[in-house]
Amino acid sequence: MVLVSVILPSYNQEEYIAESIESVLNQTFRELELIIVDDSTDNSKEIIQRYRSKDKRIQAFFHKKKRGMVKALNEGIVIAKGKFIAFTNADDVWANSKLERQLEVLKENEDLIVWSEGEIIDSKGRPTGETFTQKMADPSRLHPPQKSGDIFEELLCGNFIFFSSLILKKENIGNIKFDKHLEYLNDYRFAIDLARRYKYCFIQEPLAKYRIHERSTVTDTKSYRRYTIVASKYLLQKYGNEIPKSLKAKILFRIGTNCAQVGQGTQARQFILKAVYADLFGKDNVFYLICVLGCKDSGIGKFLLRTYITLVGLSMRFFKRLSPLRGREFFNLMVPYA
């Protein structure tokens, strides 16, 4: 029988960790080990120990001081004995059939990276009516990203993988590690490094639930943007010579817009100009150049920027390519200083 190792990093999630643990232990696929690596200073340790005393499938490792999610994940991978590795967070929840459904796919091709849709829930576990891929959708894209197959370049455009739904063969992780320099977006870098080597398979059914609460990563917008800059620079350094000029320009532009959002106006202009130079004859260069003007404290720059975004938004709406997106949301995302 195949063994699946489930890695669960834990830090001060006493309100949610019991539900997360139970959702793993109650899987219809029973041959699993649950590896919990805990840094907590709240009552999480006591909760974990209570479950460990009842179920021998649990291995728990407690750090005396906080070492962070990165070390917890890397440590869990080393410890794991299973042929396949799955990940979850201490505040997320799995559907009972998650592993069974995904292992059915892996029987056909065990080298796939399998992930699924997720349901968004609030701090009380109530569905918000939104899915994970809807939550992570990039409003500047005309079409939804490809979710299965070779999605390396799709992922370089932006993160949309639900990490708590991921399962893959341990052997295929190889030398890929989580980066200690990234408090946020470690899952994004990990997913891209995997996508460079292997194909993905997306299951439309929501096999896990992503909980949003006051301490969620997505609620810490400023830190998220700072780490987006760090992660994007890494991607350019590692893959910049392998990707199309237009994609390189988009990554540079993403760095620039995030710099603008965290108050780094000079760096924002520099990276947006680099986006222009990266793809001199690119169709987006007019937009990039107007954004440079918009990052400056000039009335004409802001006027051009507002006009450009308004026209793009209206044209997209006219062709029904941006129907779910309100114009102001698009404007706020793309034009930090306008």
Protein backbone atom coordinates (compact mmCIF):
# COMPACT_ATOMS: atom_id res chain seq x y z
CA MET A 1 0.00 0.00 0.00
CA VAL A 2 1.24 3.50 -0.89
CA LEU A 3 2.06 5.78 2.05
CA VAL A 4 1.29 9.51 1.89
CA SER A 5 3.19 11.92 4.14
CA VAL A 6 1.18 15.01 5.10
CA ILE A 7 3.25 17.96 6.32
CA LEU A 8 1.53 20.48 8.58
CA PRO A 9 3.57 23.46 9.86
CA SER A 10 1.99 25.02 12.94
CA TYR A 11 2.36 28.40 14.58
CA ASN A 12 -0.19 29.79 17.05
CA GLN A 13 -3.36 28.49 15.41
CA GLU A 14 -5.01 27.02 18.50
CA GLU A 15 -8.45 28.10 17.27
CA TYR A 16 -8.20 26.07 14.07
CA ILE A 17 -5.57 23.35 14.34
CA ALA A 18 -7.89 20.68 15.78
CA GLU A 19 -10.19 20.94 12.76
CA SER A 20 -7.20 20.84 10.43
CA ILE A 21 -5.77 17.72 12.10
CA GLU A 22 -9.15 15.96 12.08
CA SER A 23 -9.65 16.68 8.39
CA VAL A 24 -6.39 14.82 7.66
CA LEU A 25 -7.01 11.91 10.02
CA ASN A 26 -10.56 11.43 8.68
CA GLN A 27 -9.44 10.90 5.08
CA THR A 28 -11.07 8.01 3.26
CA PHE A 29 -7.53 7.05 2.27
CA ARG A 30 -6.07 5.78 5.55
CA GLU A 31 -2.42 4.97 4.76
CA LEU A 32 -0.88 8.25 5.79
CA GLU A 33 1.47 9.82 8.27
CA LEU A 34 0.79 13.31 9.58
CA ILE A 35 4.00 15.23 10.32
CA ILE A 36 3.34 18.30 12.47
CA VAL A 37 6.21 20.73 13.04
CA ASP A 38 5.19 23.26 15.66
CA ASP A 39 6.68 26.60 16.77
CA SER A 40 3.70 27.74 18.82
CA THR A 41 3.58 29.72 22.04
CA ASP A 42 -0.18 29.28 22.53
CA ASN A 43 -2.06 26.08 23.40
CA SER A 44 -1.42 24.39 20.05
CA LYS A 45 1.14 22.01 21.57
CA GLU A 46 -1.37 20.60 24.04
CA ILE A 47 -3.94 20.10 21.28
CA ILE A 48 -1.39 18.36 19.05
CA GLN A 49 -0.24 16.08 21.88
CA ARG A 50 -3.84 15.11 22.63
CA TYR A 51 -4.36 13.95 19.05
CA ARG A 52 -0.97 12.24 18.93
CA SER A 53 -1.85 10.16 21.97
CA LYS A 54 -4.94 8.85 20.16
CA ASP A 55 -3.57 8.25 16.65
CA LYS A 56 -0.18 6.66 15.96
CA ARG A 57 -0.13 8.10 12.45
CA ILE A 58 0.82 11.48 13.93
CA GLN A 59 4.45 12.52 14.34
CA ALA A 60 4.91 15.80 16.18
CA PHE A 61 8.05 17.89 16.50
CA PHE A 62 8.13 20.90 18.81
CA HIS A 63 10.68 23.70 18.52
CA LYS A 64 11.66 25.51 21.70
CA LYS A 65 11.76 28.81 19.82
CA LYS A 66 10.19 30.01 16.61
CA ARG A 67 12.08 28.77 13.55
CA GLY A 68 9.47 29.69 10.97
CA MET A 69 7.36 27.94 8.38
CA VAL A 70 10.25 27.53 5.94
CA LYS A 71 12.30 25.40 8.33
CA ALA A 72 9.17 23.50 9.35
CA LEU A 73 8.39 22.59 5.74
CA ASN A 74 11.95 21.65 4.83
CA GLU A 75 12.25 19.62 8.03
CA GLY A 76 8.99 17.83 7.27
CA ILE A 77 10.16 16.86 3.78
CA VAL A 78 13.34 15.32 5.20
CA ILE A 79 11.37 13.36 7.83
CA ALA A 80 8.68 12.14 5.41
CA LYS A 81 8.71 8.41 4.63
CA GLY A 82 5.84 8.40 2.14
CA LYS A 83 6.08 7.94 -1.60
CA PHE A 84 3.88 11.01 -1.96
CA ILE A 85 3.92 14.27 -0.01
CA ALA A 86 0.95 16.54 0.60
CA PHE A 87 0.87 19.87 2.40
CA THR A 88 -1.69 21.67 4.52
CA ASN A 89 -1.79 24.63 6.87
CA ALA A 90 -2.94 24.66 10.48
CA ASP A 91 -5.91 26.88 9.62
CA ASP A 92 -7.01 25.07 6.44
CA VAL A 93 -9.33 22.08 6.13
CA TRP A 94 -9.45 19.10 3.76
CA ALA A 95 -12.47 17.36 2.29
CA ASN A 96 -12.60 13.72 3.44
CA SER A 97 -12.02 12.38 -0.07
CA LYS A 98 -9.12 14.67 -0.97
CA LEU A 99 -6.26 12.17 -0.97
CA GLU A 100 -8.35 9.39 -2.50
CA ARG A 101 -9.40 11.59 -5.42
CA GLN A 102 -5.87 12.83 -6.05
CA LEU A 103 -4.27 9.39 -5.81
CA GLU A 104 -6.65 8.19 -8.51
CA VAL A 105 -5.05 10.76 -10.81
CA LEU A 106 -1.53 9.83 -9.72
CA LYS A 107 -2.18 6.17 -10.58
CA GLU A 108 -2.29 7.24 -14.22
CA ASN A 109 0.86 9.39 -14.00
CA GLU A 110 2.70 9.59 -10.69
CA ASP A 111 4.96 12.40 -11.94
CA LEU A 112 2.11 14.91 -12.06
CA ILE A 113 1.78 17.71 -9.53
CA VAL A 114 -1.87 17.41 -8.51
CA TRP A 115 -3.83 20.27 -6.98
CA SER A 116 -7.45 21.29 -6.69
CA GLU A 117 -9.88 24.12 -6.38
CA GLY A 118 -10.48 25.42 -2.86
CA GLU A 119 -13.45 26.86 -1.04
CA ILE A 120 -12.91 30.13 0.83
CA ILE A 121 -14.19 30.12 4.41
CA ASP A 122 -14.14 32.80 7.10
CA SER A 123 -12.79 32.60 10.66
CA LYS A 124 -15.93 30.73 11.76
CA GLY A 125 -15.68 28.18 8.96
CA ARG A 126 -18.54 29.69 6.96
CA PRO A 127 -18.26 29.64 3.14
CA THR A 128 -17.85 33.11 1.64
CA GLY A 129 -19.20 32.01 -1.74
CA GLU A 130 -15.81 32.51 -3.39
CA THR A 131 -13.32 29.93 -4.63
CA PHE A 132 -9.57 30.07 -4.19
CA THR A 133 -8.84 30.62 -7.88
CA GLN A 134 -11.39 33.44 -7.94
CA LYS A 135 -9.71 35.02 -4.93
CA MET A 136 -6.28 34.80 -6.54
CA ALA A 137 -7.41 35.86 -10.02
CA ASP A 138 -5.29 38.57 -11.62
CA PRO A 139 -7.76 41.23 -12.85
CA SER A 140 -5.27 42.48 -15.43
CA ARG A 141 -5.40 39.18 -17.34
CA LEU A 142 -7.84 38.92 -20.23
CA HIS A 143 -8.29 35.17 -19.81
CA PRO A 144 -8.11 32.75 -16.84
CA PRO A 145 -4.74 31.00 -16.55
CA GLN A 146 -4.17 27.46 -17.76
CA LYS A 147 -4.28 25.26 -14.64
CA SER A 148 -3.15 21.86 -15.98
CA GLY A 149 -0.27 20.69 -18.12
CA ASP A 150 2.86 22.81 -18.62
CA ILE A 151 1.96 25.87 -16.58
CA PHE A 152 5.48 27.21 -15.95
CA GLU A 153 4.99 30.45 -17.88
CA GLU A 154 1.44 30.83 -16.56
CA LEU A 155 2.76 30.74 -13.00
CA LEU A 156 5.48 33.27 -13.78
CA CYS A 157 2.66 35.71 -14.57
CA GLY A 158 1.27 35.30 -11.04
CA ASN A 159 0.46 32.85 -8.26
CA PHE A 160 -2.80 30.90 -8.35
CA ILE A 161 -1.90 27.50 -6.83
CA PHE A 162 -3.73 26.46 -3.65
CA PHE A 163 -0.82 25.11 -1.60
CA SER A 164 -2.97 23.17 0.88
CA SER A 165 -4.35 21.14 -2.03
CA LEU A 166 -0.95 20.12 -3.44
CA ILE A 167 0.31 16.52 -3.62
CA LEU A 168 3.33 15.14 -5.48
CA LYS A 169 5.89 12.34 -5.44
CA LYS A 170 8.57 12.99 -2.82
CA GLU A 171 11.32 11.87 -5.17
CA ASN A 172 10.36 14.65 -7.60
CA ILE A 173 11.09 17.40 -5.08
CA GLY A 174 14.78 16.63 -5.51
CA ASN A 175 16.88 19.64 -4.53
CA ILE A 176 13.96 22.08 -4.51
CA LYS A 177 13.69 23.72 -1.10
CA PHE A 178 11.61 26.39 0.55
CA ASP A 179 13.47 29.70 0.75
CA LYS A 180 14.37 31.08 4.17
CA HIS A 181 14.37 34.61 2.72
CA LEU A 182 10.65 34.46 1.94
CA GLU A 183 8.29 34.64 4.89
CA TYR A 184 5.43 34.89 2.38
CA LEU A 185 5.16 33.40 -1.13
CA ASN A 186 7.36 30.41 -0.38
CA ASP A 187 4.63 28.23 -1.82
CA TYR A 188 4.69 30.33 -5.01
CA ARG A 189 8.42 29.91 -5.56
CA PHE A 190 8.14 26.19 -4.75
CA ALA A 191 5.29 25.76 -7.24
CA ILE A 192 7.21 27.51 -10.02
CA ASP A 193 10.39 25.49 -9.45
CA LEU A 194 8.28 22.34 -9.68
CA ALA A 195 6.50 23.61 -12.80
CA ARG A 196 9.85 24.02 -14.55
CA ARG A 197 10.30 20.24 -14.29
CA TYR A 198 6.84 18.65 -14.15
CA LYS A 199 3.31 19.05 -15.44
CA TYR A 200 0.37 19.92 -13.23
CA CYS A 201 -3.12 18.43 -13.03
CA PHE A 202 -5.99 20.55 -11.71
CA ILE A 203 -9.11 19.03 -10.14
CA GLN A 204 -12.07 21.39 -10.43
CA GLU A 205 -13.81 20.00 -7.34
CA PRO A 206 -12.94 21.94 -4.15
CA LEU A 207 -11.00 19.33 -2.15
CA ALA A 208 -9.84 21.74 0.55
CA LYS A 209 -10.93 24.92 2.30
CA TYR A 210 -8.83 28.06 2.59
CA ARG A 211 -9.57 30.03 5.74
CA ILE A 212 -9.30 33.80 5.78
CA HIS A 213 -8.99 35.50 9.16
CA GLU A 214 -7.21 38.46 10.68
CA ARG A 215 -3.79 36.75 10.64
CA SER A 216 -4.04 35.35 7.11
CA THR A 217 -1.28 36.17 4.65
CA VAL A 218 -3.69 37.79 2.20
CA THR A 219 -4.79 40.32 4.85
CA ASP A 220 -1.23 41.60 5.37
CA THR A 221 -1.17 43.44 2.06
CA LYS A 222 1.98 45.51 2.54
CA SER A 223 4.16 42.57 3.60
CA TYR A 224 2.70 40.46 0.81
CA ARG A 225 3.73 43.09 -1.73
CA ARG A 226 7.25 43.34 -0.30
CA TYR A 227 7.73 39.60 -0.61
CA THR A 228 6.24 39.69 -4.11
CA ILE A 229 9.14 41.96 -5.04
CA VAL A 230 11.68 39.54 -3.51
CA ALA A 231 10.11 36.48 -5.16
CA SER A 232 9.86 38.19 -8.56
CA LYS A 233 13.52 39.21 -8.47
CA TYR A 234 14.43 35.59 -7.73
CA LEU A 235 12.39 34.41 -10.71
CA LEU A 236 14.13 36.87 -13.02
CA GLN A 237 17.54 35.88 -11.74
CA LYS A 238 16.89 32.16 -12.15
CA TYR A 239 14.72 32.02 -15.26
CA GLY A 240 15.15 35.40 -16.97
CA ASN A 241 17.30 34.01 -19.78
CA GLU A 242 14.86 31.16 -20.50
CA ILE A 243 11.60 33.03 -20.92
CA PRO A 244 10.13 35.26 -23.68
CA LYS A 245 10.94 38.97 -23.59
CA SER A 246 7.28 39.85 -23.12
CA LEU A 247 7.05 37.68 -19.99
CA LYS A 248 10.26 39.11 -18.59
CA ALA A 249 8.80 42.58 -19.12
CA LYS A 250 5.62 41.61 -17.24
CA ILE A 251 7.63 40.40 -14.25
CA LEU A 252 9.67 43.62 -14.22
CA PHE A 253 6.45 45.62 -14.41
CA ARG A 254 5.01 43.60 -11.51
CA ILE A 255 8.06 44.49 -9.43
CA GLY A 256 7.59 48.13 -10.33
CA THR A 257 3.91 48.29 -9.41
CA ASN A 258 4.56 46.57 -6.09
CA CYS A 259 7.42 48.98 -5.36
CA ALA A 260 4.98 51.80 -5.97
CA GLN A 261 2.42 50.26 -3.61
CA VAL A 262 4.94 50.11 -0.74
CA GLY A 263 6.14 53.68 -1.28
CA GLN A 264 9.31 53.02 -3.30
CA GLY A 265 8.59 55.49 -6.09
CA THR A 266 12.12 55.70 -7.51
CA GLN A 267 12.50 51.93 -7.70
CA ALA A 268 9.02 51.69 -9.21
CA ARG A 269 9.99 53.95 -12.11
CA GLN A 270 13.28 52.12 -12.62
CA PHE A 271 11.67 48.70 -12.88
CA ILE A 272 8.86 49.89 -15.13
CA LEU A 273 11.45 51.40 -17.47
CA LYS A 274 13.35 48.11 -17.37
CA ALA A 275 10.11 46.45 -18.47
CA VAL A 276 10.09 48.70 -21.54
CA TYR A 277 13.73 47.95 -22.38
CA ALA A 278 13.23 44.21 -21.88
CA ASP A 279 10.75 44.11 -24.77
CA LEU A 280 11.36 47.24 -26.84
CA PHE A 281 8.66 46.50 -29.40
CA GLY A 282 6.17 45.00 -26.97
CA LYS A 283 2.51 45.90 -27.26
CA ASP A 284 2.33 46.93 -23.58
CA ASN A 285 5.10 49.54 -23.75
CA VAL A 286 2.74 52.47 -24.14
CA PHE A 287 1.03 51.42 -20.94
CA TYR A 288 4.38 50.93 -19.14
CA LEU A 289 5.63 54.37 -20.18
CA ILE A 290 2.43 56.07 -19.07
CA CYS A 291 2.77 54.30 -15.71
CA VAL A 292 6.26 55.80 -15.37
CA LEU A 293 4.73 59.24 -15.80
CA GLY A 294 1.98 58.33 -13.36
CA CYS A 295 4.53 57.41 -10.69
CA LYS A 296 5.81 60.98 -10.81
CA ASP A 297 4.10 63.80 -8.99
CA SER A 298 2.84 65.47 -12.14
CA GLY A 299 -0.67 66.36 -13.19
CA ILE A 300 -0.15 65.35 -16.83
CA GLY A 301 1.27 61.96 -15.80
CA LYS A 302 -1.68 61.20 -13.58
CA PHE A 303 -4.13 62.40 -16.20
CA LEU A 304 -2.59 60.19 -18.92
CA LEU A 305 -2.54 57.25 -16.58
CA ARG A 306 -6.18 57.64 -15.58
CA THR A 307 -7.20 58.12 -19.20
CA TYR A 308 -5.28 55.07 -20.38
CA ILE A 309 -6.65 52.76 -17.68
CA THR A 310 -10.17 54.03 -18.23
CA LEU A 311 -9.98 53.36 -21.96
CA VAL A 312 -8.52 49.89 -21.46
CA GLY A 313 -11.16 49.07 -18.88
CA LEU A 314 -13.98 50.29 -21.11
CA SER A 315 -12.71 48.37 -24.12
CA MET A 316 -12.42 45.19 -22.07
CA ARG A 317 -15.93 45.63 -20.76
CA PHE A 318 -17.22 46.28 -24.28
CA PHE A 319 -15.78 42.99 -25.51
CA LYS A 320 -17.00 41.25 -22.33
CA ARG A 321 -13.46 40.30 -21.34
CA LEU A 322 -13.57 41.98 -17.95
CA SER A 323 -17.19 41.59 -16.93
CA PRO A 324 -16.57 40.50 -13.29
CA LEU A 325 -14.13 43.35 -12.64
CA ARG A 326 -15.18 46.82 -11.64
CA GLY A 327 -13.22 49.61 -13.26
CA ARG A 328 -12.10 51.10 -9.96
CA GLU A 329 -10.63 47.79 -8.80
CA PHE A 330 -8.60 47.53 -12.01
CA PHE A 331 -7.47 51.14 -11.56
CA ASN A 332 -6.41 50.62 -7.93
CA LEU A 333 -4.46 47.48 -8.76
CA MET A 334 -2.49 48.81 -11.70
CA VAL A 335 -2.04 52.45 -10.76
CA PRO A 336 -0.71 52.88 -7.24
CA TYR A 337 0.13 56.57 -7.52
CA ALA A 338 -2.48 57.81 -9.92
